């Protein structure tokens, strides 16, 4: 074998050895790169999971806002209920006041009307007394008496009431003493005669009775 051939053979062998030495290094490099990629992927995955855990609030954190909102709604409902009850009470009181004012206004109107009728009653009573003393036809007397009774009943239904005076003790709240007399067989302060009848309406005096009082 010539020197040239030997040199060529040695070069080939040397190159093969170098190639064999380089191959493990490449394998090692590839393995290291793969491991690095896996490590990065795992870290990325862990970071993603941690981020999701942070984003998702705990069950207790979710419940707290819900409970707080329920309490706020309950307070608002209670406040609305109180306002409704207050408004309802005010409205009912207003209705009562209006009804009272209307009733008082009606009573005043009726009282004024009845007061204007009192002279008519006085005239009717005097007419009945004169007819009883005269020789008037019985049918006419019965008719006048019937009219007087019906008229008095109608006024009584409206609340007009005659003040009883004869035989009663004098009452300055509803009677007016026109004169005094001394009758031994009568009680002191007893009303013995009525000049003009007195009347009340709804327990209010429309006109005091004008009377004669016994004084001892």
Protein backbone atom coordinates (compact mmCIF):
# COMPACT_ATOMS: atom_id res chain seq x y z
CA UNK A 1 0.00 0.00 0.00
CA UNK A 2 1.34 3.37 -0.92
CA UNK A 3 1.77 6.31 1.38
CA UNK A 4 -1.04 8.19 -0.29
CA UNK A 5 -3.44 5.35 0.16
CA UNK A 6 -2.50 5.05 3.82
CA UNK A 7 -3.06 8.77 4.36
CA UNK A 8 -6.46 8.53 2.70
CA UNK A 9 -7.43 5.53 4.76
CA UNK A 10 -6.36 7.23 7.96
CA UNK A 11 -8.38 10.33 7.03
CA UNK A 12 -11.50 8.24 6.46
CA UNK A 13 -11.09 6.47 9.78
CA UNK A 14 -10.47 9.74 11.57
CA UNK A 15 -13.57 11.23 10.00
CA UNK A 16 -15.68 8.22 11.00
CA UNK A 17 -14.48 8.50 14.56
CA UNK A 18 -15.33 12.20 14.62
CA UNK A 19 -18.78 11.46 13.23
CA UNK A 20 -19.36 8.84 15.90
CA UNK A 21 -18.28 11.29 18.58
CA UNK A 22 -20.55 14.04 17.19
CA UNK A 23 -23.70 11.86 17.08
CA UNK A 24 -24.05 11.36 20.88
CA UNK A 25 -23.56 15.09 21.30
CA UNK A 26 -26.40 15.79 18.91
CA UNK A 27 -28.60 13.28 20.72
CA UNK A 28 -27.75 14.89 24.02
CA UNK A 29 -28.52 18.32 22.63
CA UNK A 30 -31.87 17.13 21.25
CA UNK A 31 -32.77 15.50 24.60
CA UNK A 32 -31.89 18.63 26.53
CA UNK A 33 -33.98 20.79 24.22
CA UNK A 34 -36.94 18.43 24.57
CA UNK A 35 -36.70 18.46 28.35
CA UNK A 36 -36.49 22.24 28.34
CA UNK A 37 -39.58 22.50 26.20
CA UNK A 38 -41.48 20.12 28.50
CA UNK A 39 -40.41 22.13 31.53
CA UNK A 40 -41.58 25.38 29.94
CA UNK A 41 -44.89 23.75 28.98
CA UNK A 42 -45.42 22.49 32.54
CA UNK A 43 -44.62 25.89 34.00
CA UNK A 44 -46.99 27.56 31.52
CA UNK A 45 -49.70 25.07 32.43
CA UNK A 46 -49.16 25.68 36.14
CA UNK A 47 -49.31 29.44 35.63
CA UNK A 48 -52.52 29.03 33.60
CA UNK A 49 -54.12 26.90 36.35
CA UNK A 50 -53.03 29.37 39.02
CA UNK A 51 -54.45 32.22 36.98
CA UNK A 52 -57.77 30.40 36.60
CA UNK A 53 -57.87 29.68 40.32
CA UNK A 54 -57.29 33.35 41.02
CA UNK A 55 -59.99 34.36 38.56
CA UNK A 56 -62.57 31.99 40.03
CA UNK A 57 -63.72 33.42 43.41
CA UNK A 58 -64.30 31.07 46.27
CA UNK A 59 -67.85 29.92 47.05
CA UNK A 60 -67.82 31.97 50.26
CA UNK A 61 -66.81 35.07 48.27
CA UNK A 62 -69.81 34.53 45.99
CA UNK A 63 -72.22 34.09 48.88
CA UNK A 64 -71.16 37.25 50.72
CA UNK A 65 -72.34 39.69 47.99
CA UNK A 66 -75.58 37.71 47.60
CA UNK A 67 -76.28 37.85 51.35
CA UNK A 68 -75.46 41.57 51.42
CA UNK A 69 -77.82 42.21 48.49
CA UNK A 70 -80.61 40.24 50.20
CA UNK A 71 -80.19 42.34 53.34
CA UNK A 72 -80.37 45.55 51.30
CA UNK A 73 -83.53 44.34 49.56
CA UNK A 74 -85.06 43.36 52.91
CA UNK A 75 -84.32 46.85 54.31
CA UNK A 76 -85.80 48.51 51.23
CA UNK A 77 -88.90 46.31 51.50
CA UNK A 78 -89.33 47.14 55.17
CA UNK A 79 -88.92 50.87 54.49
CA UNK A 80 -91.45 50.68 51.66
CA UNK A 81 -93.86 48.82 53.93
CA UNK A 82 -93.53 51.50 56.63
CA UNK A 83 -94.12 54.26 54.10
CA UNK A 84 -97.20 52.43 52.79
CA UNK A 85 -98.66 51.93 56.27
CA UNK A 86 -97.99 55.58 57.14
CA UNK A 87 -99.66 56.78 53.94
CA UNK A 88 -102.60 54.43 54.56
CA UNK A 89 -103.04 55.72 58.13
CA UNK A 90 -102.88 59.33 56.91
CA UNK A 91 -105.46 58.58 54.23
CA UNK A 92 -107.80 56.89 56.72
CA UNK A 93 -107.44 59.81 59.14
CA UNK A 94 -108.18 62.20 56.30
CA UNK A 95 -111.32 60.23 55.43
CA UNK A 96 -112.45 60.37 59.07
CA UNK A 97 -111.83 64.11 59.27
CA UNK A 98 -113.71 64.72 56.03
CA UNK A 99 -116.62 62.57 57.24
CA UNK A 100 -116.65 64.44 60.56
CA UNK A 101 -116.57 67.84 58.84
CA UNK A 102 -119.37 66.77 56.49
CA UNK A 103 -121.50 65.49 59.39
CA UNK A 104 -120.92 68.68 61.39
CA UNK A 105 -121.75 70.80 58.35
CA UNK A 106 -124.95 68.82 57.78
CA UNK A 107 -125.91 69.12 61.47
CA UNK A 108 -125.35 72.87 61.40
CA UNK A 109 -127.53 73.17 58.30
CA UNK A 110 -130.31 71.09 59.87
CA UNK A 111 -130.02 73.00 63.15
CA UNK A 112 -130.35 76.34 61.37
CA UNK A 113 -133.39 75.06 59.47
CA UNK A 114 -135.05 73.70 62.60
CA UNK A 115 -134.38 76.93 64.46
CA UNK A 116 -136.32 78.79 61.76
CA UNK A 117 -139.23 76.36 62.22
CA UNK A 118 -139.53 76.94 65.97
CA UNK A 119 -141.80 80.00 65.59
CA UNK A 120 -144.05 77.87 63.36
CA UNK A 121 -144.25 75.26 66.11
CA UNK A 122 -145.10 77.95 68.65
CA UNK A 123 -147.91 79.23 66.44
CA UNK A 124 -149.25 75.73 65.91
CA UNK A 125 -149.23 75.03 69.67
CA UNK A 126 -151.13 78.28 70.38
CA UNK A 127 -153.61 77.48 67.63
CA UNK A 128 -154.24 74.06 69.16
CA UNK A 129 -154.82 75.64 72.60
CA UNK A 130 -157.30 78.19 71.21
CA UNK A 131 -159.14 75.55 69.20
CA UNK A 132 -159.45 73.39 72.30
CA UNK A 133 -161.14 76.29 74.12
CA UNK A 134 -163.49 77.14 71.25
CA UNK A 135 -166.52 75.31 69.86
CA UNK A 136 -164.73 74.19 66.73
CA UNK A 137 -166.04 71.29 64.69
CA UNK A 138 -164.63 67.97 65.95
CA UNK A 139 -163.48 66.93 62.49
CA UNK A 140 -161.49 70.16 62.14
CA UNK A 141 -159.96 69.63 65.58
CA UNK A 142 -159.01 66.07 64.74
CA UNK A 143 -157.42 67.20 61.50
CA UNK A 144 -155.39 69.93 63.22
CA UNK A 145 -154.32 67.52 65.94
CA UNK A 146 -153.24 64.93 63.37
CA UNK A 147 -151.24 67.54 61.49
CA UNK A 148 -149.55 68.72 64.71
CA UNK A 149 -148.59 65.16 65.67
CA UNK A 150 -147.17 64.31 62.23
CA UNK A 151 -145.26 67.57 62.04
CA UNK A 152 -143.77 67.06 65.52
CA UNK A 153 -142.83 63.45 64.72
CA UNK A 154 -141.08 64.50 61.51
CA UNK A 155 -139.02 67.10 63.38
CA UNK A 156 -138.23 64.60 66.13
CA UNK A 157 -136.83 62.17 63.54
CA UNK A 158 -134.48 64.93 62.39
CA UNK A 159 -133.19 65.25 65.97
CA UNK A 160 -135.40 68.00 67.42
CA UNK A 161 -136.41 67.35 71.01
CA UNK A 162 -138.57 69.40 73.38
CA UNK A 163 -136.99 70.34 76.71
CA UNK A 164 -139.10 69.02 79.57
CA UNK A 165 -139.59 71.76 82.11
CA UNK A 166 -142.85 71.54 84.10
CA UNK A 167 -142.25 69.87 87.48
CA UNK A 168 -138.46 69.68 86.87
CA UNK A 169 -135.78 71.50 88.83
CA UNK A 170 -134.67 74.70 87.16
CA UNK A 171 -131.63 74.22 84.92
CA UNK A 172 -129.92 77.44 83.82
CA UNK A 173 -128.13 75.56 81.01
CA UNK A 174 -131.34 75.05 79.06
CA UNK A 175 -133.92 77.23 80.81
CA UNK A 176 -134.41 80.93 81.26
CA UNK A 177 -136.29 82.17 84.33
CA UNK A 178 -138.71 84.91 83.32
CA UNK A 179 -140.13 85.37 86.85
CA UNK A 180 -140.31 83.77 90.27
CA UNK A 181 -143.32 82.79 92.34
CA UNK A 182 -143.73 81.44 95.84
CA UNK A 183 -146.06 78.45 95.98
CA UNK A 184 -145.89 76.59 99.32
CA UNK A 185 -146.81 73.15 97.99
CA UNK A 186 -144.08 73.26 95.28
CA UNK A 187 -140.41 72.50 95.70
CA UNK A 188 -137.85 75.26 95.72
CA UNK A 189 -136.33 75.89 92.25
CA UNK A 190 -139.12 73.91 90.64
CA UNK A 191 -140.44 75.03 87.25
CA UNK A 192 -144.14 75.70 87.61
CA UNK A 193 -145.00 77.32 84.26
CA UNK A 194 -143.63 77.56 80.70
CA UNK A 195 -144.01 80.74 78.67
CA UNK A 196 -142.16 79.41 75.65
CA UNK A 197 -141.01 75.87 74.95
CA UNK A 198 -137.33 75.09 74.62
CA UNK A 199 -135.77 72.63 72.15
CA UNK A 200 -132.52 70.75 71.66
CA UNK A 201 -130.92 69.24 68.57
CA UNK A 202 -128.32 66.47 68.84
CA UNK A 203 -128.01 67.26 72.56
CA UNK A 204 -127.31 70.92 71.76
CA UNK A 205 -129.66 73.62 72.96
CA UNK A 206 -131.38 75.40 70.06
CA UNK A 207 -133.53 77.56 72.27
CA UNK A 208 -133.84 77.80 76.03
CA UNK A 209 -137.25 77.31 77.60
CA UNK A 210 -138.72 80.48 79.13
CA UNK A 211 -140.17 79.46 82.47
CA UNK A 212 -141.57 80.55 85.83
CA UNK A 213 -139.59 79.23 88.82
CA UNK A 214 -140.86 78.61 92.35
CA UNK A 215 -138.82 80.38 95.01
CA UNK A 216 -139.18 79.97 98.76
